[in-house]
C-alpha atoms as a PDB file:
ATOM      1  CA  UNK A   1      12.527 -12.781 225.273  1.00  0.00           C
ATOM      2  CA  UNK A   2      12.788  -9.292 226.430  1.00  0.00           C
ATOM      3  CA  UNK A   3      10.417  -8.068 229.065  1.00  0.00           C
ATOM      4  CA  UNK A   4       7.947  -5.368 227.913  1.00  0.00           C
ATOM      5  CA  UNK A   5       8.691  -1.764 228.848  1.00  0.00           C
ATOM      6  CA  UNK A   6       6.877  -0.294 231.743  1.00  0.00           C
ATOM      7  CA  UNK A   7       3.940   1.671 230.847  1.00  0.00           C
ATOM      8  CA  UNK A   8       4.474   5.617 231.051  1.00  0.00           C
ATOM      9  CA  UNK A   9       2.372   7.434 233.669  1.00  0.00           C
ATOM     10  CA  UNK A  10       0.896  10.088 231.279  1.00  0.00           C
ATOM     11  CA  UNK A  11      -1.348  11.709 233.863  1.00  0.00           C
ATOM     12  CA  UNK A  12       1.616  12.209 236.102  1.00  0.00           C
ATOM     13  CA  UNK A  13       3.539  13.834 233.286  1.00  0.00           C
ATOM     14  CA  UNK A  14       0.562  15.985 232.284  1.00  0.00           C
ATOM     15  CA  UNK A  15       0.156  17.657 235.562  1.00  0.00           C
ATOM     16  CA  UNK A  16       3.312  20.016 235.328  1.00  0.00           C
ATOM     17  CA  UNK A  17       2.638  20.789 231.717  1.00  0.00           C
ATOM     18  CA  UNK A  18      -1.047  21.657 232.553  1.00  0.00           C
ATOM     19  CA  UNK A  19      -0.121  23.754 235.501  1.00  0.00           C
ATOM     20  CA  UNK A  20       2.389  25.770 233.298  1.00  0.00           C
ATOM     21  CA  UNK A  21      -0.267  26.468 230.782  1.00  0.00           C
ATOM     22  CA  UNK A  22      -2.628  27.632 233.481  1.00  0.00           C
ATOM     23  CA  UNK A  23       0.118  29.994 234.819  1.00  0.00           C
ATOM     24  CA  UNK A  24       0.988  31.375 231.529  1.00  0.00           C
ATOM     25  CA  UNK A  25      -1.919  30.493 228.892  1.00  0.00           C
ATOM     26  CA  UNK A  26      -0.460  32.928 226.215  1.00  0.00           C
ATOM     27  CA  UNK A  27       3.180  32.983 225.385  1.00  0.00           C
ATOM     28  CA  UNK A  28       4.708  36.589 224.931  1.00  0.00           C
ATOM     29  CA  UNK A  29       6.368  37.406 221.422  1.00  0.00           C
ATOM     30  CA  UNK A  30      10.038  36.702 221.755  1.00  0.00           C
ATOM     31  CA  UNK A  31      10.755  40.227 220.307  1.00  0.00           C
ATOM     32  CA  UNK A  32       9.253  41.740 223.447  1.00  0.00           C
ATOM     33  CA  UNK A  33      11.989  40.350 225.384  1.00  0.00           C
ATOM     34  CA  UNK A  34      14.617  41.184 222.881  1.00  0.00           C
ATOM     35  CA  UNK A  35      13.482  44.707 222.386  1.00  0.00           C
ATOM     36  CA  UNK A  36      13.512  45.223 226.088  1.00  0.00           C
ATOM     37  CA  UNK A  37      16.818  43.916 226.685  1.00  0.00           C
ATOM     38  CA  UNK A  38      18.246  45.823 223.665  1.00  0.00           C
ATOM     39  CA  UNK A  39      16.776  49.019 225.261  1.00  0.00           C
ATOM     40  CA  UNK A  40      18.337  48.329 228.491  1.00  0.00           C
ATOM     41  CA  UNK A  41      21.762  47.614 227.115  1.00  0.00           C
ATOM     42  CA  UNK A  42      21.730  50.794 224.974  1.00  0.00           C
ATOM     43  CA  UNK A  43      20.421  52.897 227.878  1.00  0.00           C
ATOM     44  CA  UNK A  44      23.326  51.685 230.063  1.00  0.00           C
ATOM     45  CA  UNK A  45      25.893  52.365 227.370  1.00  0.00           C
ATOM     46  CA  UNK A  46      24.489  55.711 226.701  1.00  0.00           C
ATOM     47  CA  UNK A  47      24.666  56.414 230.392  1.00  0.00           C
ATOM     48  CA  UNK A  48      28.046  55.176 230.834  1.00  0.00           C
ATOM     49  CA  UNK A  49      29.399  57.142 227.779  1.00  0.00           C
ATOM     50  CA  UNK A  50      27.645  60.345 228.703  1.00  0.00           C
ATOM     51  CA  UNK A  51      28.164  60.291 232.469  1.00  0.00           C
ATOM     52  CA  UNK A  52      32.035  60.546 231.826  1.00  0.00           C
ATOM     53  CA  UNK A  53      34.248  62.879 229.999  1.00  0.00           C
ATOM     54  CA  UNK A  54      35.343  61.825 226.472  1.00  0.00           C
ATOM     55  CA  UNK A  55      39.034  61.323 225.736  1.00  0.00           C
ATOM     56  CA  UNK A  56      40.865  61.016 222.470  1.00  0.00           C
ATOM     57  CA  UNK A  57      44.292  60.120 223.381  1.00  0.00           C
ATOM     58  CA  UNK A  58      43.487  56.220 223.648  1.00  0.00           C
ATOM     59  CA  UNK A  59      43.054  56.153 219.939  1.00  0.00           C
ATOM     60  CA  UNK A  60      45.649  56.469 217.132  1.00  0.00           C
ATOM     61  CA  UNK A  61      43.057  58.226 215.009  1.00  0.00           C
ATOM     62  CA  UNK A  62      39.487  59.387 214.944  1.00  0.00           C
ATOM     63  CA  UNK A  63      38.806  57.018 212.120  1.00  0.00           C
ATOM     64  CA  UNK A  64      39.732  53.912 214.137  1.00  0.00           C
ATOM     65  CA  UNK A  65      37.958  55.336 217.224  1.00  0.00           C
ATOM     66  CA  UNK A  66      34.746  55.577 215.354  1.00  0.00           C
ATOM     67  CA  UNK A  67      35.155  52.173 213.551  1.00  0.00           C
ATOM     68  CA  UNK A  68      35.967  50.323 216.814  1.00  0.00           C
ATOM     69  CA  UNK A  69      33.261  52.124 218.555  1.00  0.00           C
ATOM     70  CA  UNK A  70      30.709  51.302 215.895  1.00  0.00           C
ATOM     71  CA  UNK A  71      31.882  47.608 215.915  1.00  0.00           C
ATOM     72  CA  UNK A  72      31.150  47.334 219.777  1.00  0.00           C
ATOM     73  CA  UNK A  73      27.838  49.119 219.448  1.00  0.00           C
ATOM     74  CA  UNK A  74      26.724  46.888 216.744  1.00  0.00           C
ATOM     75  CA  UNK A  75      28.061  43.746 218.707  1.00  0.00           C
ATOM     76  CA  UNK A  76      26.136  44.775 221.593  1.00  0.00           C
ATOM     77  CA  UNK A  77      22.907  45.320 219.673  1.00  0.00           C
ATOM     78  CA  UNK A  78      23.096  42.151 217.745  1.00  0.00           C
ATOM     79  CA  UNK A  79      23.964  40.109 220.991  1.00  0.00           C
ATOM     80  CA  UNK A  80      20.998  41.500 222.691  1.00  0.00           C
ATOM     81  CA  UNK A  81      18.684  40.304 220.017  1.00  0.00           C
ATOM     82  CA  UNK A  82      20.073  37.062 219.487  1.00  0.00           C
ATOM     83  CA  UNK A  83      20.434  36.224 223.127  1.00  0.00           C
ATOM     84  CA  UNK A  84      16.518  35.991 223.114  1.00  0.00           C
ATOM     85  CA  UNK A  85      15.667  35.197 219.414  1.00  0.00           C
ATOM     86  CA  UNK A  86      14.158  31.700 219.227  1.00  0.00           C
ATOM     87  CA  UNK A  87      16.581  29.031 217.689  1.00  0.00           C
ATOM     88  CA  UNK A  88      19.384  30.980 216.258  1.00  0.00           C
ATOM     89  CA  UNK A  89      22.251  29.010 217.780  1.00  0.00           C
ATOM     90  CA  UNK A  90      24.403  29.191 214.762  1.00  0.00           C
ATOM     91  CA  UNK A  91      23.915  32.862 214.481  1.00  0.00           C
ATOM     92  CA  UNK A  92      24.753  33.311 218.170  1.00  0.00           C
ATOM     93  CA  UNK A  93      27.895  30.950 217.652  1.00  0.00           C
ATOM     94  CA  UNK A  94      28.896  33.394 214.720  1.00  0.00           C
ATOM     95  CA  UNK A  95      28.282  36.442 216.896  1.00  0.00           C
ATOM     96  CA  UNK A  96      30.452  35.184 219.619  1.00  0.00           C
ATOM     97  CA  UNK A  97      33.256  34.304 217.188  1.00  0.00           C
ATOM     98  CA  UNK A  98      33.002  37.774 215.788  1.00  0.00           C
ATOM     99  CA  UNK A  99      33.959  39.589 219.128  1.00  0.00           C
ATOM    100  CA  UNK A 100      37.393  38.590 218.295  1.00  0.00           C
ATOM    101  CA  UNK A 101      37.115  41.240 215.550  1.00  0.00           C
ATOM    102  CA  UNK A 102      36.160  43.800 217.989  1.00  0.00           C
ATOM    103  CA  UNK A 103      39.253  42.782 220.008  1.00  0.00           C
ATOM    104  CA  UNK A 104      41.486  43.163 217.038  1.00  0.00           C
ATOM    105  CA  UNK A 105      39.967  46.596 215.977  1.00  0.00           C
ATOM    106  CA  UNK A 106      40.413  47.845 219.760  1.00  0.00           C
ATOM    107  CA  UNK A 107      44.029  46.853 219.774  1.00  0.00           C
ATOM    108  CA  UNK A 108      44.468  48.260 216.396  1.00  0.00           C
ATOM    109  CA  UNK A 109      43.013  51.542 217.240  1.00  0.00           C
ATOM    110  CA  UNK A 110      45.158  51.837 220.394  1.00  0.00           C
ATOM    111  CA  UNK A 111      47.624  54.740 220.332  1.00  0.00           C
ATOM    112  CA  UNK A 112      50.265  53.388 222.610  1.00  0.00           C
ATOM    113  CA  UNK A 113      49.958  56.440 224.909  1.00  0.00           C
ATOM    114  CA  UNK A 114      50.313  55.457 228.644  1.00  0.00           C
ATOM    115  CA  UNK A 115      48.228  57.419 230.935  1.00  0.00           C
ATOM    116  CA  UNK A 116      48.733  55.235 233.890  1.00  0.00           C
ATOM    117  CA  UNK A 117      45.268  54.238 234.086  1.00  0.00           C
ATOM    118  CA  UNK A 118      44.486  51.000 235.816  1.00  0.00           C
ATOM    119  CA  UNK A 119      41.942  48.723 237.544  1.00  0.00           C
ATOM    120  CA  UNK A 120      39.350  51.562 237.708  1.00  0.00           C
ATOM    121  CA  UNK A 121      38.497  51.043 234.026  1.00  0.00           C
ATOM    122  CA  UNK A 122      37.580  47.257 234.630  1.00  0.00           C
ATOM    123  CA  UNK A 123      35.487  48.515 237.616  1.00  0.00           C
ATOM    124  CA  UNK A 124      33.545  50.960 235.370  1.00  0.00           C
ATOM    125  CA  UNK A 125      32.940  48.379 232.801  1.00  0.00           C
ATOM    126  CA  UNK A 126      31.532  45.920 235.439  1.00  0.00           C
ATOM    127  CA  UNK A 127      29.360  48.775 236.936  1.00  0.00           C
ATOM    128  CA  UNK A 128      27.798  49.691 233.669  1.00  0.00           C
ATOM    129  CA  UNK A 129      27.272  46.147 232.648  1.00  0.00           C
ATOM    130  CA  UNK A 130      25.587  45.064 236.014  1.00  0.00           C
ATOM    131  CA  UNK A 131      21.926  46.183 235.222  1.00  0.00           C
ATOM    132  CA  UNK A 132      21.892  44.768 231.631  1.00  0.00           C
ATOM    133  CA  UNK A 133      23.505  41.531 232.878  1.00  0.00           C
ATOM    134  CA  UNK A 134      21.012  40.993 235.505  1.00  0.00           C
ATOM    135  CA  UNK A 135      18.075  42.098 233.159  1.00  0.00           C
ATOM    136  CA  UNK A 136      19.420  39.401 230.710  1.00  0.00           C
ATOM    137  CA  UNK A 137      19.357  36.836 233.296  1.00  0.00           C
ATOM    138  CA  UNK A 138      15.686  37.592 234.152  1.00  0.00           C
ATOM    139  CA  UNK A 139      14.787  37.266 230.471  1.00  0.00           C
ATOM    140  CA  UNK A 140      16.772  34.048 229.810  1.00  0.00           C
ATOM    141  CA  UNK A 141      15.058  32.106 232.648  1.00  0.00           C
ATOM    142  CA  UNK A 142      12.174  32.055 229.994  1.00  0.00           C
ATOM    143  CA  UNK A 143      14.071  29.570 228.196  1.00  0.00           C
ATOM    144  CA  UNK A 144      15.835  26.368 228.613  1.00  0.00           C
ATOM    145  CA  UNK A 145      19.409  26.729 229.496  1.00  0.00           C
ATOM    146  CA  UNK A 146      21.600  27.173 226.406  1.00  0.00           C
ATOM    147  CA  UNK A 147      25.145  28.338 226.957  1.00  0.00           C
ATOM    148  CA  UNK A 148      25.036  30.516 223.534  1.00  0.00           C
ATOM    149  CA  UNK A 149      22.287  32.389 224.809  1.00  0.00           C
ATOM    150  CA  UNK A 150      24.064  33.225 228.128  1.00  0.00           C
ATOM    151  CA  UNK A 151      27.263  34.008 226.571  1.00  0.00           C
ATOM    152  CA  UNK A 152      25.573  36.409 224.006  1.00  0.00           C
ATOM    153  CA  UNK A 153      23.572  37.987 226.621  1.00  0.00           C
ATOM    154  CA  UNK A 154      26.984  38.449 228.751  1.00  0.00           C
ATOM    155  CA  UNK A 155      28.645  40.029 225.504  1.00  0.00           C
ATOM    156  CA  UNK A 156      25.712  42.456 225.210  1.00  0.00           C
ATOM    157  CA  UNK A 157      26.142  43.734 228.841  1.00  0.00           C
ATOM    158  CA  UNK A 158      29.761  43.804 228.692  1.00  0.00           C
ATOM    159  CA  UNK A 159      29.716  45.545 225.372  1.00  0.00           C
ATOM    160  CA  UNK A 160      27.833  48.429 227.220  1.00  0.00           C
ATOM    161  CA  UNK A 161      30.611  48.675 229.808  1.00  0.00           C
ATOM    162  CA  UNK A 162      33.136  48.455 227.058  1.00  0.00           C
ATOM    163  CA  UNK A 163      31.775  51.423 225.069  1.00  0.00           C
ATOM    164  CA  UNK A 164      32.098  53.506 228.305  1.00  0.00           C
ATOM    165  CA  UNK A 165      35.658  52.933 228.843  1.00  0.00           C
ATOM    166  CA  UNK A 166      36.378  52.945 225.208  1.00  0.00           C
ATOM    167  CA  UNK A 167      35.424  56.452 224.853  1.00  0.00           C
ATOM    168  CA  UNK A 168      36.402  57.563 228.334  1.00  0.00           C
ATOM    169  CA  UNK A 169      39.856  56.130 229.076  1.00  0.00           C
ATOM    170  CA  UNK A 170      42.768  58.131 227.907  1.00  0.00           C
ATOM    171  CA  UNK A 171      45.180  55.189 228.244  1.00  0.00           C
ATOM    172  CA  UNK A 172      45.922  53.701 224.838  1.00  0.00           C
ATOM    173  CA  UNK A 173      48.847  51.311 225.905  1.00  0.00           C
ATOM    174  CA  UNK A 174      48.309  47.768 224.683  1.00  0.00           C
ATOM    175  CA  UNK A 175      48.778  46.048 227.988  1.00  0.00           C
ATOM    176  CA  UNK A 176      46.169  48.394 229.649  1.00  0.00           C
ATOM    177  CA  UNK A 177      43.768  47.437 226.796  1.00  0.00           C
ATOM    178  CA  UNK A 178      44.228  43.946 227.159  1.00  0.00           C
ATOM    179  CA  UNK A 179      44.066  43.728 230.906  1.00  0.00           C
ATOM    180  CA  UNK A 180      41.522  46.296 231.813  1.00  0.00           C
ATOM    181  CA  UNK A 181      39.306  46.732 228.810  1.00  0.00           C
ATOM    182  CA  UNK A 182      39.180  43.570 226.849  1.00  0.00           C
ATOM    183  CA  UNK A 183      39.600  40.888 229.613  1.00  0.00           C
ATOM    184  CA  UNK A 184      36.623  42.068 231.585  1.00  0.00           C
ATOM    185  CA  UNK A 185      34.407  41.433 228.455  1.00  0.00           C
ATOM    186  CA  UNK A 186      35.350  37.912 228.430  1.00  0.00           C
ATOM    187  CA  UNK A 187      35.058  37.604 232.288  1.00  0.00           C
ATOM    188  CA  UNK A 188      31.662  39.095 232.423  1.00  0.00           C
ATOM    189  CA  UNK A 189      30.425  36.916 229.582  1.00  0.00           C
ATOM    190  CA  UNK A 190      31.565  33.762 231.563  1.00  0.00           C
ATOM    191  CA  UNK A 191      30.017  35.217 234.774  1.00  0.00           C
ATOM    192  CA  UNK A 192      26.767  35.601 233.045  1.00  0.00           C
ATOM    193  CA  UNK A 193      26.900  31.986 231.946  1.00  0.00           C
ATOM    194  CA  UNK A 194      27.803  30.675 235.371  1.00  0.00           C
ATOM    195  CA  UNK A 195      24.992  32.536 236.870  1.00  0.00           C
ATOM    196  CA  UNK A 196      22.472  31.439 234.313  1.00  0.00           C
ATOM    197  CA  UNK A 197      23.584  27.729 234.862  1.00  0.00           C
ATOM    198  CA  UNK A 198      22.342  27.885 238.508  1.00  0.00           C
ATOM    199  CA  UNK A 199      19.210  29.639 237.813  1.00  0.00           C
ATOM    200  CA  UNK A 200      16.009  27.697 237.456  1.00  0.00           C
ATOM    201  CA  UNK A 201      14.257  28.028 234.036  1.00  0.00           C
ATOM    202  CA  UNK A 202      10.517  29.323 234.082  1.00  0.00           C
ATOM    203  CA  UNK A 203       9.809  27.470 231.040  1.00  0.00           C
ATOM    204  CA  UNK A 204      11.800  24.782 228.884  1.00  0.00           C
ATOM    205  CA  UNK A 205      11.285  26.434 225.496  1.00  0.00           C
ATOM    206  CA  UNK A 206      14.638  25.962 223.332  1.00  0.00           C
END
């Protein structure tokens, strides 16, 4: 005959929960955090784009330049919202998969013109993405750890930096685009994921 399961100490378990409720008796609407993060990434993108001269030699045509820019802007905004929206893991997964379309559009828009630009573009991209990334990490600690949230936040931040170099850099060669424009998006998203994994959660809401 199996021994009875040990009794659960409910009083011990209630303590941390009650402490959390006392510290924050009213939950904040999710859309406040989402709107704040969206504003931050948009302001970072505007500052990055507006702070540097524009170039058209990177792109094969103005149409492809505009279409690829719109794709990155839409991805940036959607990623900022979905990173904070409750639930929505399926939507976040679809968003992450759609980033490949932004990559394809960027390469399709490339003119092939070689301007000799190098690692400076990756550094600009990282610099523009830094503030949105750390802001996103602060917001995400209000949730239980979720890899798709962290990756979506990383995409939102890196897309802000991508927009800056996408409209500023004169180099339209494929190898430059891949190494110094697109690869940093991937790296920054993974960095956001790694940093979030080591940060403690303020709450464990899903």
